[in-house]
Amino acid sequence: MSALGIVLLGAAATGLCMVLADAWVVRHVALSSDGLAAAERTDWYKLLRIMGYAPTWLAVGLAITLIDSGRREGGLPNGRPLTWERGPFVLACVVVAGLLAEGVKLLTRRARPDVANPDELYRWISWAAEGVNTGDLALPSSHAAVAFAAAWAVGKLHPRTLPVGLLLAIGCGTTRLLAGQHHASDIVAAAFVGLLPAVVLTVLFGKR
C-alpha cells in the first residue's frame, strides 16, 4: 500500500473511532457551566484556547517575517530575498484553514452538541434557518483548524517543533470539547482541514 493509501486509511479509521466516541464525549467530557467557568479562569485553559485564535498566529507570522527581514539565501548579497517566505507561509496556512473550516461548516451544517440532551447526538441546521451564519455550526471546529494549521506550518519550517505544536493543537481542541461546543469528530476533521493548506502550499511553492 502506498504512503497516501496508509494516510487515508488511518484518517478514515480515526474518523470512525471519533464518530463512535462522540456520544461518550458529549456525556462525560463537556463541563458543567460552573466547571467551565472555573476552567476558563485558569492559565492552562487560556493558553490552549488562544492556540486557536488566528491573531495569535498572525503575530507569530509577522515576527518571523521581521526576523527574516533583509536575509538572503545562503547569506549571499545576490541571493534570493527570504523576507517574504516563512512568515507569509504561516500566515497563509492559518488564514486559509480558518476560511476553509467556515466553508465546510456551511456545507455540512451540523449543529453544536446539545449537552442538555445528549441522546439527540447529531442535529442539522437548514439553510432557511441560519443561512450563511456559522455561529451554531460545528463541523469542523474553526479554532482547532487554526491551531492545527499553525502546528503543521511551523512544523514544516522546523520539523522538531511539530510534536509540541500538535500537543498544543490537541489541547486547543480539548478546550472546545470541555466547553461542550464540539463533538470529538469535529476536532479530527479540523486537524485535516488544518493540514490541507500546508500540504497544498508546500506543493505549489516547493522547497521555498
Protein backbone atom coordinates (compact mmCIF):
# COMPACT_ATOMS: atom_id res chain seq x y z
CA MET A 1 0.00 0.00 0.00
CA SER A 2 1.28 3.47 -0.86
CA ALA A 3 2.03 6.11 1.77
CA LEU A 4 -1.01 8.08 0.63
CA GLY A 5 -3.18 4.99 0.98
CA ILE A 6 -1.91 4.41 4.50
CA VAL A 7 -2.62 8.04 5.44
CA LEU A 8 -6.14 7.88 4.00
CA LEU A 9 -6.84 4.57 5.72
CA GLY A 10 -5.56 5.96 9.01
CA ALA A 11 -7.68 9.08 8.59
CA ALA A 12 -10.79 7.00 7.89
CA ALA A 13 -10.13 4.77 10.89
CA THR A 14 -9.51 7.75 13.17
CA GLY A 15 -12.64 9.50 11.94
CA LEU A 16 -14.73 6.37 12.52
CA CYS A 17 -13.37 5.99 16.06
CA MET A 18 -14.19 9.61 16.83
CA VAL A 19 -17.71 9.29 15.46
CA LEU A 20 -18.22 6.28 17.72
CA ALA A 21 -16.80 8.30 20.63
CA ASP A 22 -18.92 11.40 20.02
CA ALA A 23 -21.79 10.38 22.30
CA TRP A 24 -19.46 9.43 25.16
CA VAL A 25 -17.55 12.71 24.83
CA VAL A 26 -20.71 14.82 24.96
CA ARG A 27 -21.88 12.98 28.09
CA HIS A 28 -18.62 12.73 30.01
CA VAL A 29 -16.16 15.40 28.80
CA ALA A 30 -18.25 18.56 28.50
CA LEU A 31 -18.10 20.52 31.75
CA SER A 32 -21.00 21.98 33.66
CA SER A 33 -21.45 25.73 33.45
CA ASP A 34 -19.74 26.19 36.82
CA GLY A 35 -16.92 23.81 35.90
CA LEU A 36 -16.36 25.58 32.59
CA ALA A 37 -16.32 28.99 34.25
CA ALA A 38 -13.68 27.73 36.68
CA ALA A 39 -11.60 26.22 33.85
CA GLU A 40 -11.76 29.42 31.82
CA ARG A 41 -10.12 31.29 34.68
CA THR A 42 -7.07 29.02 34.69
CA ASP A 43 -3.88 29.88 32.81
CA TRP A 44 -3.58 26.45 31.16
CA TYR A 45 -7.05 26.78 29.64
CA LYS A 46 -6.31 30.29 28.36
CA LEU A 47 -3.02 29.11 26.84
CA LEU A 48 -4.62 26.21 24.97
CA ARG A 49 -7.64 28.24 23.91
CA ILE A 50 -5.55 31.02 22.39
CA MET A 51 -3.79 28.49 20.15
CA GLY A 52 -6.95 28.56 18.03
CA TYR A 53 -7.12 32.36 17.92
CA ALA A 54 -5.98 33.43 14.44
CA PRO A 55 -4.43 36.77 15.52
CA THR A 56 -2.03 34.80 17.73
CA TRP A 57 -0.52 33.23 14.64
CA LEU A 58 -0.76 36.41 12.61
CA ALA A 59 1.54 37.93 15.23
CA VAL A 60 3.86 34.92 15.04
CA GLY A 61 3.95 35.14 11.25
CA LEU A 62 4.75 38.84 11.45
CA ALA A 63 7.53 38.14 13.95
CA ILE A 64 9.05 35.51 11.65
CA THR A 65 8.87 37.97 8.75
CA LEU A 66 10.70 40.58 10.82
CA ILE A 67 13.34 38.00 11.80
CA ASP A 68 13.88 37.21 8.11
CA SER A 69 13.89 40.87 7.09
CA GLY A 70 16.91 41.54 4.92
CA ARG A 71 18.07 37.92 4.88
CA ARG A 72 19.15 36.38 1.60
CA GLU A 73 19.58 32.79 0.54
CA GLY A 74 22.99 31.42 1.52
CA GLY A 75 23.84 34.73 3.18
CA LEU A 76 24.98 36.00 -0.22
CA PRO A 77 24.42 39.63 -1.24
CA ASN A 78 22.88 38.49 -4.54
CA GLY A 79 20.96 35.58 -3.02
CA ARG A 80 17.18 35.31 -3.22
CA PRO A 81 15.47 37.54 -0.62
CA LEU A 82 13.96 35.43 2.18
CA THR A 83 11.90 38.11 3.91
CA TRP A 84 8.57 37.13 2.40
CA GLU A 85 8.80 33.34 2.59
CA ARG A 86 8.50 31.77 6.05
CA GLY A 87 6.27 34.31 7.79
CA PRO A 88 3.74 34.60 4.96
CA PHE A 89 3.66 30.78 4.73
CA VAL A 90 2.47 30.57 8.35
CA LEU A 91 0.03 33.44 7.79
CA ALA A 92 -1.40 31.84 4.64
CA CYS A 93 -1.83 28.42 6.25
CA VAL A 94 -3.71 29.85 9.23
CA VAL A 95 -5.96 32.17 7.22
CA VAL A 96 -6.80 29.56 4.57
CA ALA A 97 -7.51 26.91 7.23
CA GLY A 98 -9.85 29.25 9.11
CA LEU A 99 -11.74 30.21 5.96
CA LEU A 100 -11.85 26.61 4.76
CA ALA A 101 -13.27 25.46 8.09
CA GLU A 102 -16.02 28.06 7.88
CA GLY A 103 -16.81 26.96 4.33
CA VAL A 104 -17.00 23.29 5.29
CA LYS A 105 -19.34 24.20 8.16
CA LEU A 106 -21.73 25.77 5.67
CA LEU A 107 -21.71 22.57 3.63
CA THR A 108 -22.04 20.05 6.46
CA ARG A 109 -24.41 22.20 8.57
CA ARG A 110 -24.05 20.02 11.67
CA ALA A 111 -25.12 21.81 14.83
CA ARG A 112 -23.14 22.08 18.02
CA PRO A 113 -23.80 19.36 20.62
CA ASP A 114 -26.85 19.70 22.83
CA VAL A 115 -25.20 18.88 26.16
CA ALA A 116 -28.55 19.08 27.95
CA ASN A 117 -29.99 16.44 25.62
CA PRO A 118 -27.11 14.11 24.67
CA ASP A 119 -29.46 11.39 23.42
CA GLU A 120 -30.04 13.54 20.33
CA LEU A 121 -26.44 13.19 19.19
CA TYR A 122 -26.46 14.99 15.83
CA ARG A 123 -28.66 17.85 14.76
CA TRP A 124 -28.65 19.62 11.40
CA ILE A 125 -29.45 23.24 10.68
CA SER A 126 -31.16 24.13 7.42
CA TRP A 127 -30.16 26.95 5.12
CA ALA A 128 -33.54 28.53 5.73
CA ALA A 129 -32.92 28.68 9.48
CA GLU A 130 -29.37 30.13 9.55
CA GLY A 131 -28.26 30.91 6.01
CA VAL A 132 -24.54 31.75 5.95
CA ASN A 133 -24.33 32.27 9.73
CA THR A 134 -21.89 29.67 11.11
CA GLY A 135 -22.30 30.58 14.78
CA ASP A 136 -24.32 27.47 15.59
CA LEU A 137 -22.45 25.13 13.22
CA ALA A 138 -19.75 22.79 14.48
CA LEU A 139 -18.19 20.56 11.81
CA PRO A 140 -15.26 21.21 11.76
CA SER A 141 -14.03 23.35 14.66
CA SER A 142 -12.59 26.56 13.22
CA HIS A 143 -10.47 27.19 16.31
CA ALA A 144 -8.97 23.71 16.19
CA ALA A 145 -8.39 24.06 12.43
CA VAL A 146 -6.40 27.25 13.03
CA ALA A 147 -4.37 25.61 15.81
CA PHE A 148 -3.58 22.55 13.71
CA ALA A 149 -2.76 24.68 10.65
CA ALA A 150 -0.24 26.62 12.72
CA ALA A 151 1.25 23.40 14.09
CA TRP A 152 1.62 21.90 10.60
CA ALA A 153 3.03 25.14 9.15
CA VAL A 154 5.62 25.78 11.86
CA GLY A 155 6.43 22.07 11.89
CA LYS A 156 7.11 22.25 8.17
CA LEU A 157 9.58 25.07 8.72
CA HIS A 158 11.11 23.50 11.83
CA PRO A 159 10.28 19.75 11.96
CA ARG A 160 11.45 19.27 15.54
CA THR A 161 8.72 21.63 16.75
CA LEU A 162 5.91 19.52 15.29
CA PRO A 163 5.24 17.34 18.39
CA VAL A 164 4.94 20.44 20.56
CA GLY A 165 2.69 22.17 18.05
CA LEU A 166 0.42 19.15 17.72
CA LEU A 167 0.13 18.78 21.50
CA LEU A 168 -0.92 22.43 21.76
CA ALA A 169 -3.40 22.00 18.90
CA ILE A 170 -4.86 18.89 20.53
CA GLY A 171 -5.10 20.88 23.74
CA CYS A 172 -6.98 23.62 21.90
CA GLY A 173 -9.39 21.03 20.53
CA THR A 174 -9.84 19.62 24.03
CA THR A 175 -10.93 23.03 25.33
CA ARG A 176 -13.69 23.00 22.72
CA LEU A 177 -14.84 19.60 23.98
CA LEU A 178 -14.74 20.77 27.59
CA ALA A 179 -16.86 23.76 26.59
CA GLY A 180 -19.43 21.41 25.02
CA GLN A 181 -19.14 23.30 21.73
CA HIS A 182 -17.94 20.43 19.56
CA HIS A 183 -18.01 16.70 19.02
CA ALA A 184 -14.74 14.76 19.00
CA SER A 185 -15.18 14.17 15.26
CA ASP A 186 -15.30 17.96 14.75
CA ILE A 187 -11.77 18.16 16.15
CA VAL A 188 -10.45 15.31 14.00
CA ALA A 189 -11.95 16.94 10.91
CA ALA A 190 -10.30 20.21 11.93
CA ALA A 191 -6.89 18.53 12.08
CA PHE A 192 -7.16 17.52 8.44
CA VAL A 193 -8.61 20.88 7.40
CA GLY A 194 -5.59 22.50 9.06
CA LEU A 195 -3.20 20.14 7.30
CA LEU A 196 -4.55 20.81 3.82
CA PRO A 197 -3.23 24.37 3.33
CA ALA A 198 0.27 23.38 4.46
CA VAL A 199 0.35 20.47 2.02
CA VAL A 200 -1.05 22.46 -0.91
CA LEU A 201 1.20 25.48 -0.38
CA THR A 202 4.25 23.26 0.00
CA VAL A 203 3.43 21.51 -3.27
CA LEU A 204 2.82 24.83 -5.04
CA PHE A 205 5.99 26.52 -3.85
CA GLY A 206 8.31 23.52 -3.44
CA LYS A 207 11.29 23.94 -1.16
CA ARG A 208 10.58 27.64 -0.83
